[in-house]
Amino acid sequence: MPLAERANPFRCAACGFVLFFNAASAVAALVIDAEGRILFIRREREPGRGLLAMPGGFVDVGESAEEALRREVREEVGLEVRGVTYLASFANRYPYSDVTYSTLDLFFTCEADAGSQARALDAVTAIEWRDPPAVNPSEIAFDSMRAALQTFLRR
């Protein structure tokens, strides 16, 4: 049964254990350069292998969303960012290793620190600076990222 259809919370009749099904927190950055282009990565792994995505990932225990965003951008493309501003959030589903996780994806806009150069690092096959209106939504790995790009374009 899909997670969304399960009782929340789950209560074990035998022992009384109670488990709440909550979304995992994830972040993604719309890193914008001086020409107004957005930094996209090409995903090295499933889900969405070979498709475009924004740098980001899961929020670790004890991290704020902004801390996680800075860490993920640094790990994936080697950039330090500034001017981190909340854009929007969207529910998403992330299939990984025979489990589909329900996530709450938090999107932020930001700029790279002066002098830093983006490069493909962890789980990234390539980086691409793209003009936002020219990005074909079918090239983007996740529904939440397509929605975030549309929200950005409407601003």
Protein backbone atom coordinates (compact mmCIF):
# COMPACT_ATOMS: atom_id res chain seq x y z
CA MET A 1 0.00 0.00 0.00
CA PRO A 2 1.42 3.45 -0.86
CA LEU A 3 2.64 5.41 2.13
CA ALA A 4 0.03 8.14 1.64
CA GLU A 5 -2.74 5.58 2.06
CA ARG A 6 -1.44 4.14 5.33
CA ALA A 7 -2.91 5.16 8.65
CA ASN A 8 -0.97 7.99 10.22
CA PRO A 9 0.03 7.25 12.84
CA PHE A 10 0.54 3.49 12.60
CA ARG A 11 -0.36 1.80 15.87
CA CYS A 12 0.78 -1.74 16.60
CA ALA A 13 -2.11 -3.63 18.17
CA ALA A 14 0.27 -6.15 19.77
CA CYS A 15 2.68 -3.83 21.59
CA GLY A 16 1.13 -0.37 21.37
CA PHE A 17 4.07 1.14 19.46
CA VAL A 18 3.11 4.32 17.58
CA LEU A 19 4.92 5.44 14.42
CA PHE A 20 4.16 8.69 12.61
CA PHE A 21 4.88 8.71 8.87
CA ASN A 22 6.49 12.08 8.19
CA ALA A 23 8.10 13.44 5.07
CA ALA A 24 11.89 13.52 4.86
CA SER A 25 13.27 17.03 4.42
CA ALA A 26 15.29 17.81 1.31
CA VAL A 27 16.74 21.02 -0.14
CA ALA A 28 17.72 22.23 -3.59
CA ALA A 29 19.46 25.37 -4.81
CA LEU A 30 18.66 27.54 -7.78
CA VAL A 31 22.17 28.97 -8.05
CA ILE A 32 21.90 32.05 -10.27
CA ASP A 33 24.84 33.64 -12.09
CA ALA A 34 25.33 37.27 -13.20
CA GLU A 35 23.60 36.58 -16.55
CA GLY A 36 20.51 35.14 -14.81
CA ARG A 37 21.30 31.53 -15.71
CA ILE A 38 20.65 28.67 -13.28
CA LEU A 39 23.17 25.96 -12.45
CA PHE A 40 21.89 22.46 -13.24
CA ILE A 41 23.65 19.17 -12.66
CA ARG A 42 23.35 15.96 -14.65
CA ARG A 43 22.53 13.15 -12.23
CA GLU A 44 24.99 10.26 -12.12
CA ARG A 45 22.60 7.88 -10.33
CA GLU A 46 18.99 6.82 -10.23
CA PRO A 47 16.45 8.15 -9.73
CA GLY A 48 16.69 10.41 -12.73
CA ARG A 49 20.09 9.24 -13.96
CA GLY A 50 21.28 11.51 -16.80
CA LEU A 51 18.54 14.08 -16.24
CA LEU A 52 18.90 17.65 -15.04
CA ALA A 53 18.53 18.53 -11.39
CA MET A 54 19.40 21.38 -9.09
CA PRO A 55 22.18 20.77 -6.57
CA GLY A 56 20.69 19.50 -3.34
CA GLY A 57 19.86 16.56 -1.14
CA PHE A 58 18.51 15.39 2.18
CA VAL A 59 18.72 17.45 5.36
CA ASP A 60 20.80 15.66 8.01
CA VAL A 61 19.70 15.38 11.62
CA GLY A 62 20.68 18.55 13.47
CA GLU A 63 21.01 20.70 10.32
CA SER A 64 18.90 23.65 9.32
CA ALA A 65 17.63 23.74 5.74
CA GLU A 66 20.11 26.53 4.95
CA GLU A 67 23.04 24.57 6.41
CA ALA A 68 22.03 21.49 4.41
CA LEU A 69 21.73 23.57 1.25
CA ARG A 70 25.22 25.02 1.64
CA ARG A 71 26.67 21.56 2.40
CA GLU A 72 24.95 19.87 -0.55
CA VAL A 73 26.01 22.60 -3.01
CA ARG A 74 29.59 22.34 -1.73
CA GLU A 75 29.57 18.51 -1.99
CA GLU A 76 27.99 18.33 -5.46
CA VAL A 77 29.51 21.29 -7.31
CA GLY A 78 32.20 22.75 -5.04
CA LEU A 79 30.60 26.17 -4.62
CA GLU A 80 30.15 28.34 -1.58
CA VAL A 81 26.89 30.30 -1.86
CA ARG A 82 25.51 33.55 -0.48
CA GLY A 83 22.19 35.36 -0.53
CA VAL A 84 20.24 32.20 0.28
CA THR A 85 16.54 33.07 -0.05
CA TYR A 86 13.57 30.76 0.34
CA LEU A 87 11.61 30.23 -2.89
CA ALA A 88 8.99 27.51 -2.31
CA SER A 89 8.38 23.96 -1.10
CA PHE A 90 6.76 20.98 -2.81
CA ALA A 91 5.91 17.45 -1.79
CA ASN A 92 7.81 14.84 -3.76
CA ARG A 93 8.37 11.10 -3.99
CA TYR A 94 11.92 9.74 -4.13
CA PRO A 95 12.27 6.08 -5.15
CA TYR A 96 15.53 4.58 -3.93
CA SER A 97 16.58 0.97 -3.40
CA ASP A 98 13.05 -0.50 -3.53
CA VAL A 99 11.67 2.12 -1.11
CA THR A 100 9.76 5.23 -2.15
CA TYR A 101 10.34 8.06 0.29
CA SER A 102 7.88 10.89 0.74
CA THR A 103 9.85 14.11 0.87
CA LEU A 104 9.23 17.78 1.43
CA ASP A 105 11.57 19.56 -0.97
CA LEU A 106 12.56 23.10 0.06
CA PHE A 107 13.88 25.32 -2.73
CA PHE A 108 16.13 28.34 -2.31
CA THR A 109 17.67 30.86 -4.68
CA CYS A 110 21.28 31.92 -4.13
CA GLU A 111 24.45 33.12 -5.83
CA ALA A 112 27.91 31.60 -5.93
CA ASP A 113 30.60 33.42 -3.99
CA ALA A 114 32.82 35.55 -6.22
CA GLY A 115 35.73 33.67 -7.71
CA SER A 116 34.40 30.17 -7.09
CA GLN A 117 34.04 27.82 -10.05
CA ALA A 118 31.42 25.07 -10.25
CA ARG A 119 32.65 21.57 -11.05
CA ALA A 120 31.06 18.12 -11.16
CA LEU A 121 31.74 16.28 -7.89
CA ASP A 122 29.66 13.81 -5.84
CA ALA A 123 27.06 11.91 -7.94
CA VAL A 124 27.25 14.53 -10.71
CA THR A 125 28.32 13.72 -14.27
CA ALA A 126 28.24 17.30 -15.59
CA ILE A 127 27.19 20.85 -14.78
CA GLU A 128 25.27 23.15 -17.08
CA TRP A 129 24.43 26.85 -16.73
CA ARG A 130 21.04 27.20 -18.43
CA ASP A 131 18.74 30.09 -19.31
CA PRO A 132 15.68 29.29 -17.14
CA PRO A 133 12.93 29.89 -19.77
CA ALA A 134 14.79 27.68 -22.27
CA VAL A 135 14.88 24.60 -20.02
CA ASN A 136 12.56 21.86 -21.25
CA PRO A 137 10.67 20.54 -18.20
CA SER A 138 10.94 16.97 -19.54
CA GLU A 139 14.73 17.20 -19.03
CA ILE A 140 14.30 17.71 -15.25
CA ALA A 141 14.47 14.67 -12.99
CA PHE A 142 11.77 15.46 -10.41
CA ASP A 143 8.25 16.91 -10.38
CA SER A 144 9.13 19.15 -7.43
CA MET A 145 12.06 20.65 -9.36
CA ARG A 146 9.86 21.31 -12.38
CA ALA A 147 7.39 23.09 -10.06
CA ALA A 148 10.19 25.11 -8.45
CA LEU A 149 11.47 26.23 -11.85
CA GLN A 150 7.94 27.30 -12.84
CA THR A 151 7.59 29.22 -9.56
CA PHE A 152 10.92 30.94 -10.23
CA LEU A 153 9.88 31.87 -13.77
CA ARG A 154 6.60 33.42 -12.52
CA ARG A 155 8.45 35.74 -10.11
